[in-house]
N, C-alpha and C. Protein backbone atom coordinates (compact mmCIF):
# COMPACT_ATOMS: atom_id res chain seq x y z
N MET A 1 -13.66 -12.82 -0.28
CA MET A 1 -13.31 -11.44 -0.76
C MET A 1 -11.87 -11.45 -0.75
N ILE A 2 -11.12 -12.32 -0.18
CA ILE A 2 -9.69 -12.40 -0.49
C ILE A 2 -9.34 -13.21 -1.57
N ASN A 3 -10.05 -14.05 -1.99
CA ASN A 3 -10.02 -14.65 -3.11
C ASN A 3 -10.31 -14.10 -4.43
N PHE A 4 -11.35 -12.83 -4.42
CA PHE A 4 -11.53 -12.31 -5.31
C PHE A 4 -10.63 -11.54 -5.85
N PHE A 5 -10.04 -10.70 -4.66
CA PHE A 5 -9.13 -9.97 -5.52
C PHE A 5 -7.59 -10.24 -6.14
N SER A 6 -7.44 -11.87 -5.06
CA SER A 6 -6.46 -12.35 -5.92
C SER A 6 -6.55 -12.90 -7.00
N LYS A 7 -7.55 -13.19 -7.43
CA LYS A 7 -8.04 -13.83 -8.52
C LYS A 7 -8.21 -13.00 -9.65
N TYR A 8 -8.39 -11.77 -9.41
CA TYR A 8 -8.83 -10.70 -9.89
C TYR A 8 -7.76 -9.54 -9.90
N ARG A 9 -6.26 -9.90 -10.06
CA ARG A 9 -5.72 -8.82 -9.69
C ARG A 9 -5.77 -7.39 -10.90
N PHE A 10 -6.29 -7.67 -11.96
CA PHE A 10 -6.33 -6.36 -12.84
C PHE A 10 -7.04 -5.41 -12.40
N ILE A 11 -8.14 -5.50 -11.52
CA ILE A 11 -9.01 -4.46 -10.50
C ILE A 11 -7.94 -3.51 -9.74
N PHE A 12 -7.00 -3.93 -8.73
CA PHE A 12 -5.83 -3.08 -8.17
C PHE A 12 -5.00 -2.49 -9.26
N TYR A 13 -5.10 -3.27 -10.65
CA TYR A 13 -3.91 -2.41 -11.54
C TYR A 13 -4.65 -1.07 -12.12
N ILE A 14 -5.92 -1.46 -12.16
CA ILE A 14 -6.90 -0.21 -13.01
C ILE A 14 -7.31 0.34 -11.71
N LEU A 15 -7.40 0.32 -10.76
CA LEU A 15 -7.51 1.46 -9.54
C LEU A 15 -6.72 2.02 -9.75
N ASN A 16 -5.19 1.44 -9.47
CA ASN A 16 -3.86 2.46 -9.11
C ASN A 16 -3.46 3.00 -10.88
N PHE A 17 -4.05 2.93 -11.57
CA PHE A 17 -3.93 3.65 -13.06
C PHE A 17 -4.58 4.74 -12.70
N PHE A 18 -6.11 4.76 -12.55
CA PHE A 18 -6.92 5.91 -11.89
C PHE A 18 -6.38 6.63 -11.42
N LEU A 19 -6.20 6.12 -10.00
CA LEU A 19 -5.71 6.81 -9.14
C LEU A 19 -4.38 7.82 -9.72
N VAL A 20 -3.80 7.51 -10.44
CA VAL A 20 -2.41 8.18 -10.84
C VAL A 20 -2.89 9.31 -11.95
N LEU A 21 -4.14 8.83 -12.81
CA LEU A 21 -4.03 9.59 -13.54
C LEU A 21 -5.39 10.80 -12.97
N LEU A 22 -5.61 10.55 -11.98
CA LEU A 22 -6.46 11.61 -11.15
C LEU A 22 -5.62 12.53 -10.53
N TYR A 23 -4.33 11.86 -9.98
CA TYR A 23 -3.26 12.93 -9.47
C TYR A 23 -2.64 13.72 -10.13
N LEU A 24 -2.59 13.35 -11.73
CA LEU A 24 -1.41 13.74 -12.35
C LEU A 24 -2.29 14.85 -13.44
N PHE A 25 -3.74 14.54 -13.39
CA PHE A 25 -3.99 15.64 -14.17
C PHE A 25 -4.31 16.94 -13.87
N PRO A 26 -3.95 18.18 -14.70
CA PRO A 26 -4.17 19.44 -14.13
C PRO A 26 -5.38 20.13 -13.82
N GLY A 27 -5.60 19.85 -12.64
CA GLY A 27 -7.06 20.28 -12.44
C GLY A 27 -7.52 19.28 -11.78
N SER A 28 -9.20 19.16 -11.44
CA SER A 28 -10.03 18.28 -11.15
C SER A 28 -10.78 17.53 -12.07
N LEU A 29 -10.68 16.37 -12.46
CA LEU A 29 -11.75 15.28 -13.25
C LEU A 29 -12.54 15.05 -12.55
N LEU A 30 -12.64 14.67 -11.06
CA LEU A 30 -14.09 14.25 -10.52
C LEU A 30 -14.90 16.06 -10.49
N GLY A 31 -14.11 17.15 -10.43
CA GLY A 31 -14.86 18.37 -10.09
C GLY A 31 -15.38 18.47 -11.56
N PHE A 32 -14.73 18.28 -12.65
CA PHE A 32 -15.40 18.67 -13.91
C PHE A 32 -16.60 17.58 -14.04
N PHE A 33 -16.71 16.28 -13.60
CA PHE A 33 -17.48 15.69 -13.95
C PHE A 33 -18.96 15.88 -13.08
N LEU A 34 -18.41 16.14 -11.64
CA LEU A 34 -19.65 16.44 -10.79
C LEU A 34 -20.41 17.85 -10.48
N TYR A 35 -19.35 18.77 -10.67
CA TYR A 35 -19.99 20.15 -10.75
C TYR A 35 -19.91 21.03 -12.26
N ASP A 36 -19.03 20.41 -13.10
CA ASP A 36 -18.58 20.92 -14.41
C ASP A 36 -17.83 22.10 -14.13
N ASP A 37 -16.63 22.12 -13.20
CA ASP A 37 -15.62 22.89 -12.70
C ASP A 37 -14.10 21.97 -12.76
N LEU A 38 -13.19 22.50 -13.53
CA LEU A 38 -12.28 21.86 -13.64
C LEU A 38 -11.26 21.90 -12.10
N GLN A 39 -11.81 23.51 -11.58
CA GLN A 39 -11.07 24.19 -10.83
C GLN A 39 -11.31 23.45 -9.23
N LEU A 40 -12.99 22.89 -9.29
CA LEU A 40 -13.55 22.56 -8.08
C LEU A 40 -13.21 21.05 -7.41
N GLN A 41 -12.98 20.81 -6.17
CA GLN A 41 -12.31 19.56 -5.91
C GLN A 41 -13.37 19.36 -5.09
N PRO A 42 -14.35 18.09 -5.59
CA PRO A 42 -15.11 17.39 -4.23
C PRO A 42 -14.66 16.80 -3.07
N GLN A 43 -15.12 17.33 -1.78
CA GLN A 43 -14.32 17.23 -0.79
C GLN A 43 -15.43 16.15 0.02
N ILE A 44 -14.96 14.84 0.43
CA ILE A 44 -16.00 13.83 0.81
C ILE A 44 -15.87 14.22 2.47
N THR A 45 -14.82 14.52 2.93
CA THR A 45 -15.23 15.11 4.42
C THR A 45 -14.53 16.03 4.77
N ARG A 46 -14.63 16.67 5.74
CA ARG A 46 -13.66 17.71 6.18
C ARG A 46 -12.12 17.61 6.28
N ASN A 47 -11.34 18.20 6.00
CA ASN A 47 -10.01 18.02 6.15
C ASN A 47 -9.97 18.23 7.98
N PHE A 48 -8.82 17.44 8.78
CA PHE A 48 -8.62 18.19 9.86
C PHE A 48 -7.10 18.28 9.95
N LEU A 49 -6.15 17.09 10.36
CA LEU A 49 -4.61 17.58 10.18
C LEU A 49 -4.41 17.09 8.99
N ILE A 50 -4.86 16.19 8.07
CA ILE A 50 -4.34 15.60 7.08
C ILE A 50 -6.02 15.96 6.09
N SER A 51 -4.99 15.71 4.32
CA SER A 51 -6.67 15.77 3.38
C SER A 51 -7.13 14.40 3.33
N SER A 52 -8.43 14.55 3.71
CA SER A 52 -9.08 13.35 4.00
C SER A 52 -9.34 12.87 2.24
N ASN A 53 -9.37 13.44 1.48
CA ASN A 53 -9.55 12.75 0.16
C ASN A 53 -8.09 11.74 -0.33
N HIS A 54 -6.96 12.35 0.09
CA HIS A 54 -5.76 11.46 -0.12
C HIS A 54 -5.89 10.27 1.13
N PHE A 55 -6.34 10.72 1.93
CA PHE A 55 -6.48 9.30 2.62
C PHE A 55 -7.28 8.52 2.27
N TYR A 56 -8.51 8.79 2.04
CA TYR A 56 -9.34 7.78 1.70
C TYR A 56 -8.93 7.39 0.29
N ALA A 57 -8.37 8.35 -0.17
CA ALA A 57 -7.93 7.17 -1.53
C ALA A 57 -6.75 6.10 -1.70
N PHE A 58 -5.97 6.67 -0.73
CA PHE A 58 -4.67 5.70 -0.71
C PHE A 58 -5.07 4.43 0.48
N LEU A 59 -5.91 4.74 1.18
CA LEU A 59 -6.34 3.54 2.44
C LEU A 59 -7.27 2.35 1.22
N SER A 60 -7.93 3.25 0.94
CA SER A 60 -8.85 2.29 -0.18
C SER A 60 -7.74 1.27 -1.05
N LEU A 61 -6.95 2.31 -1.76
CA LEU A 61 -5.76 1.32 -2.75
C LEU A 61 -5.10 0.63 -1.63
N SER A 62 -4.70 0.56 -0.37
CA SER A 62 -3.92 -0.05 0.26
C SER A 62 -4.74 -1.23 0.81
N ILE A 63 -5.68 -1.22 1.20
CA ILE A 63 -6.90 -2.32 1.41
C ILE A 63 -6.96 -3.32 0.43
N ILE A 64 -7.23 -2.83 -0.82
CA ILE A 64 -7.52 -3.48 -1.99
C ILE A 64 -6.25 -4.46 -2.49
N GLY A 65 -4.97 -3.48 -2.74
CA GLY A 65 -3.74 -4.08 -2.60
C GLY A 65 -3.11 -4.85 -1.72
N TYR A 66 -3.83 -4.95 -0.58
CA TYR A 66 -3.48 -6.06 0.75
C TYR A 66 -4.06 -7.48 0.29
N LEU A 67 -5.46 -7.02 -0.09
CA LEU A 67 -6.28 -8.22 -0.61
C LEU A 67 -5.93 -9.03 -1.26
N THR A 68 -5.39 -8.11 -2.51
CA THR A 68 -4.98 -8.89 -3.44
C THR A 68 -3.96 -9.26 -3.56
N PHE A 69 -2.88 -9.09 -2.72
CA PHE A 69 -1.39 -9.49 -2.89
C PHE A 69 -1.32 -10.73 -1.68
N LEU A 70 -2.31 -10.51 -0.45
CA LEU A 70 -2.02 -11.61 0.53
C LEU A 70 -1.44 -13.09 0.47
N ASP A 71 -1.88 -13.27 -0.59
CA ASP A 71 -1.22 -14.73 -0.86
C ASP A 71 -0.52 -14.91 -1.56
N SER A 72 0.48 -14.02 -2.29
CA SER A 72 1.42 -13.97 -2.85
C SER A 72 2.55 -13.86 -2.23
N GLY A 73 2.61 -13.13 -1.15
CA GLY A 73 4.45 -13.27 -0.33
C GLY A 73 4.46 -11.74 -0.96
N ARG A 74 3.86 -11.15 -1.56
CA ARG A 74 4.45 -9.89 -1.94
C ARG A 74 3.92 -8.44 -1.36
N LEU A 75 3.81 -8.77 0.08
CA LEU A 75 3.09 -7.42 0.63
C LEU A 75 4.27 -6.19 0.96
N LYS A 76 5.45 -6.99 1.41
CA LYS A 76 6.71 -5.99 1.44
C LYS A 76 6.82 -5.64 0.28
N ILE A 77 6.85 -5.86 -0.70
CA ILE A 77 7.01 -4.80 -2.34
C ILE A 77 5.78 -3.92 -2.40
N LEU A 78 4.37 -4.46 -1.93
CA LEU A 78 3.52 -3.30 -2.20
C LEU A 78 3.89 -2.29 -1.45
N TYR A 79 3.90 -2.23 -0.03
CA TYR A 79 4.02 -1.38 0.86
C TYR A 79 5.06 -0.42 0.38
N ILE A 80 6.08 -1.07 0.28
CA ILE A 80 7.22 0.07 -0.50
C ILE A 80 6.47 0.59 -1.59
N TYR A 81 6.26 -0.09 -2.63
CA TYR A 81 5.52 0.53 -3.85
C TYR A 81 4.47 1.86 -3.28
N LEU A 82 3.80 1.45 -2.22
CA LEU A 82 2.58 2.50 -2.05
C LEU A 82 3.11 3.62 -1.74
N VAL A 83 4.03 3.31 -0.67
CA VAL A 83 4.73 4.60 0.35
C VAL A 83 5.50 5.64 -1.02
N PHE A 84 6.42 4.95 -1.89
CA PHE A 84 6.60 5.56 -3.03
C PHE A 84 6.34 6.33 -3.96
N LEU A 85 4.55 5.72 -4.40
CA LEU A 85 4.00 5.83 -5.07
C LEU A 85 3.03 7.59 -4.54
N SER A 86 3.06 7.42 -3.04
CA SER A 86 2.35 8.46 -2.46
C SER A 86 3.25 9.38 -2.35
N ILE A 87 4.50 9.25 -2.11
CA ILE A 87 5.58 10.37 -2.38
C ILE A 87 5.66 11.15 -3.20
N ILE A 88 5.99 10.34 -4.48
CA ILE A 88 6.43 10.95 -5.61
C ILE A 88 5.35 11.54 -6.33
N LEU A 89 3.97 10.97 -6.43
CA LEU A 89 2.49 11.87 -7.01
C LEU A 89 2.74 12.80 -6.11
N GLU A 90 2.75 12.73 -4.76
CA GLU A 90 2.72 14.51 -4.37
C GLU A 90 3.67 15.40 -4.80
N VAL A 91 4.85 15.00 -4.92
CA VAL A 91 5.84 15.70 -5.41
C VAL A 91 5.79 16.38 -6.97
N LEU A 92 5.11 15.30 -7.61
CA LEU A 92 4.92 15.56 -8.97
C LEU A 92 4.29 17.17 -9.02
N HIS A 93 3.62 17.15 -8.03
CA HIS A 93 2.11 18.39 -7.74
C HIS A 93 3.07 19.60 -7.90
N ILE A 94 4.24 19.99 -8.05
CA ILE A 94 5.22 21.08 -8.20
C ILE A 94 4.81 21.11 -9.45
N PHE A 95 5.33 20.64 -10.03
CA PHE A 95 5.27 20.68 -11.72
C PHE A 95 4.11 20.50 -12.39
N ILE A 96 2.90 20.30 -11.80
CA ILE A 96 1.53 20.25 -12.71
C ILE A 96 1.35 21.38 -12.72
N PRO A 97 0.84 21.83 -13.58
CA PRO A 97 -0.41 23.18 -13.24
C PRO A 97 -1.40 23.24 -13.04
N VAL A 98 -1.85 24.12 -11.63
CA VAL A 98 -3.18 24.12 -11.08
C VAL A 98 -2.94 23.41 -9.76
N ARG A 99 -1.94 22.84 -9.65
CA ARG A 99 -1.61 21.75 -8.85
C ARG A 99 -0.13 22.11 -8.27
N SER A 100 -0.59 21.85 -6.59
CA SER A 100 0.13 22.42 -5.61
C SER A 100 0.67 21.36 -4.82
N PHE A 101 1.96 21.22 -4.04
CA PHE A 101 2.18 20.30 -3.15
C PHE A 101 1.89 20.91 -2.10
N GLU A 102 1.60 19.96 -0.90
CA GLU A 102 1.00 20.36 0.04
C GLU A 102 1.09 19.34 1.17
N LEU A 103 1.92 19.64 2.24
CA LEU A 103 2.22 18.59 3.26
C LEU A 103 0.94 17.67 3.82
N THR A 104 -0.08 18.41 3.82
CA THR A 104 -1.33 17.45 4.53
C THR A 104 -2.06 16.65 3.60
N ASP A 105 -1.91 16.61 2.00
CA ASP A 105 -1.58 16.09 1.40
C ASP A 105 -1.03 14.66 1.67
N LEU A 106 0.30 15.02 1.36
CA LEU A 106 1.34 13.84 1.79
C LEU A 106 1.14 13.15 3.07
N PHE A 107 0.88 13.52 4.08
CA PHE A 107 0.40 12.98 5.35
C PHE A 107 -1.01 12.14 5.06
N GLY A 108 -1.85 13.11 4.45
CA GLY A 108 -3.00 11.98 4.13
C GLY A 108 -2.40 10.27 3.65
N ASN A 109 -1.79 10.96 2.24
CA ASN A 109 -1.55 9.55 1.20
C ASN A 109 -0.59 8.45 2.33
N LEU A 110 0.42 9.02 3.16
CA LEU A 110 1.28 8.22 3.82
C LEU A 110 0.15 7.72 4.93
N LEU A 111 -0.44 8.20 5.70
CA LEU A 111 -1.47 7.77 6.75
C LEU A 111 -2.42 6.84 6.21
N GLY A 112 -2.92 6.78 5.11
CA GLY A 112 -3.62 5.71 4.37
C GLY A 112 -3.03 4.55 3.91
N VAL A 113 -1.81 4.64 3.76
CA VAL A 113 -0.77 3.47 3.72
C VAL A 113 -0.21 2.67 5.07
N LEU A 114 -0.12 3.83 5.84
CA LEU A 114 0.36 3.17 7.18
C LEU A 114 -0.80 2.13 7.87
N ILE A 115 -1.69 2.71 7.91
CA ILE A 115 -3.03 2.84 8.48
C ILE A 115 -3.26 1.00 8.09
N THR A 116 -3.29 0.71 6.64
CA THR A 116 -2.89 -0.59 6.02
C THR A 116 -1.72 -1.40 6.80
N ILE A 117 -0.84 -1.50 6.52
CA ILE A 117 0.35 -1.84 7.44
C ILE A 117 0.26 -1.92 8.81
N ILE A 118 -0.57 -1.30 9.56
CA ILE A 118 -0.77 -1.36 10.88
C ILE A 118 -1.48 -2.71 11.14
N ILE A 119 -2.66 -2.48 10.22
CA ILE A 119 -3.73 -3.73 10.19
C ILE A 119 -3.00 -4.91 10.10
N ASN A 120 -2.20 -5.09 9.07
CA ASN A 120 -1.72 -6.32 8.69
C ASN A 120 -0.74 -6.74 9.77
N PHE A 121 0.08 -5.62 10.12
CA PHE A 121 1.13 -6.10 11.53
C PHE A 121 0.42 -7.04 12.61
N PHE A 122 -1.26 -6.48 12.85
CA PHE A 122 -1.97 -7.46 14.09
C PHE A 122 -2.60 -8.45 13.49
N PHE A 123 -2.99 -8.56 12.15
CA PHE A 123 -3.61 -9.69 11.82
C PHE A 123 -2.04 -10.86 11.96
N ARG A 124 -1.03 -10.28 11.42
CA ARG A 124 -0.09 -11.35 11.55
C ARG A 124 0.06 -11.80 13.10
N LYS A 125 0.24 -10.70 14.01
CA LYS A 125 0.77 -11.18 15.41
C LYS A 125 -0.92 -12.16 15.62
N TYR A 126 -1.89 -11.98 15.60
CA TYR A 126 -2.94 -12.64 15.63
C TYR A 126 -3.00 -14.11 15.36
N GLU A 127 -2.28 -14.22 14.27
CA GLU A 127 -2.22 -15.61 13.45
C GLU A 127 -1.06 -16.52 14.47
N LYS A 128 -0.01 -15.70 14.73
CA LYS A 128 1.29 -16.56 15.68
C LYS A 128 0.46 -16.51 16.74
N PHE A 129 -0.28 -15.79 17.59
CA PHE A 129 -0.64 -16.27 19.22
C PHE A 129 -1.95 -17.37 18.71
N LYS A 130 -2.24 -17.04 18.06
CA LYS A 130 -3.70 -18.19 17.67
C LYS A 130 -3.12 -19.64 17.81
N LYS A 131 -1.74 -19.40 16.78
CA LYS A 131 -1.49 -21.10 16.81
C LYS A 131 -0.55 -21.35 18.01
C-alpha cells in the first residue's frame, strides 16, 4: 500500500485539488450531485464537538499524504502544508458567498491532521524501540 501511493503521487495531488475545489465552491457540490440542492450539505455522521465531515476529509487526505511521502523524508513539510491548508481554507469561508467560517470546522480540519501526526510519532517510536 505504501509503495502504491509513493509510486503514484498524482493521486494525492488530485485528491488535494478536489478537496480545495469542494472547500472553495460557493455552496455544496456534493449536495448538488446527491440531492440536487446546492444548499444541502451531506452529513456522513453527526457532529459532536467538531465537524465530522471536515475531520474525515482531512484525516483521509493526511493519511494518503503520509503514505505518499513516507519514504521521501518530506513528512514535516507535508504536515506543515496540511495544517496551513486546513486553516487557510476555513478562513477563506469568510469571503466566499453561502459559506461561513466555523470554529468546529476548523477544529475538525486540524484534528484530522493532528491524529495522523500522532500516529506517525508512535510509529517512529515503535521503530526506534524495535531496533
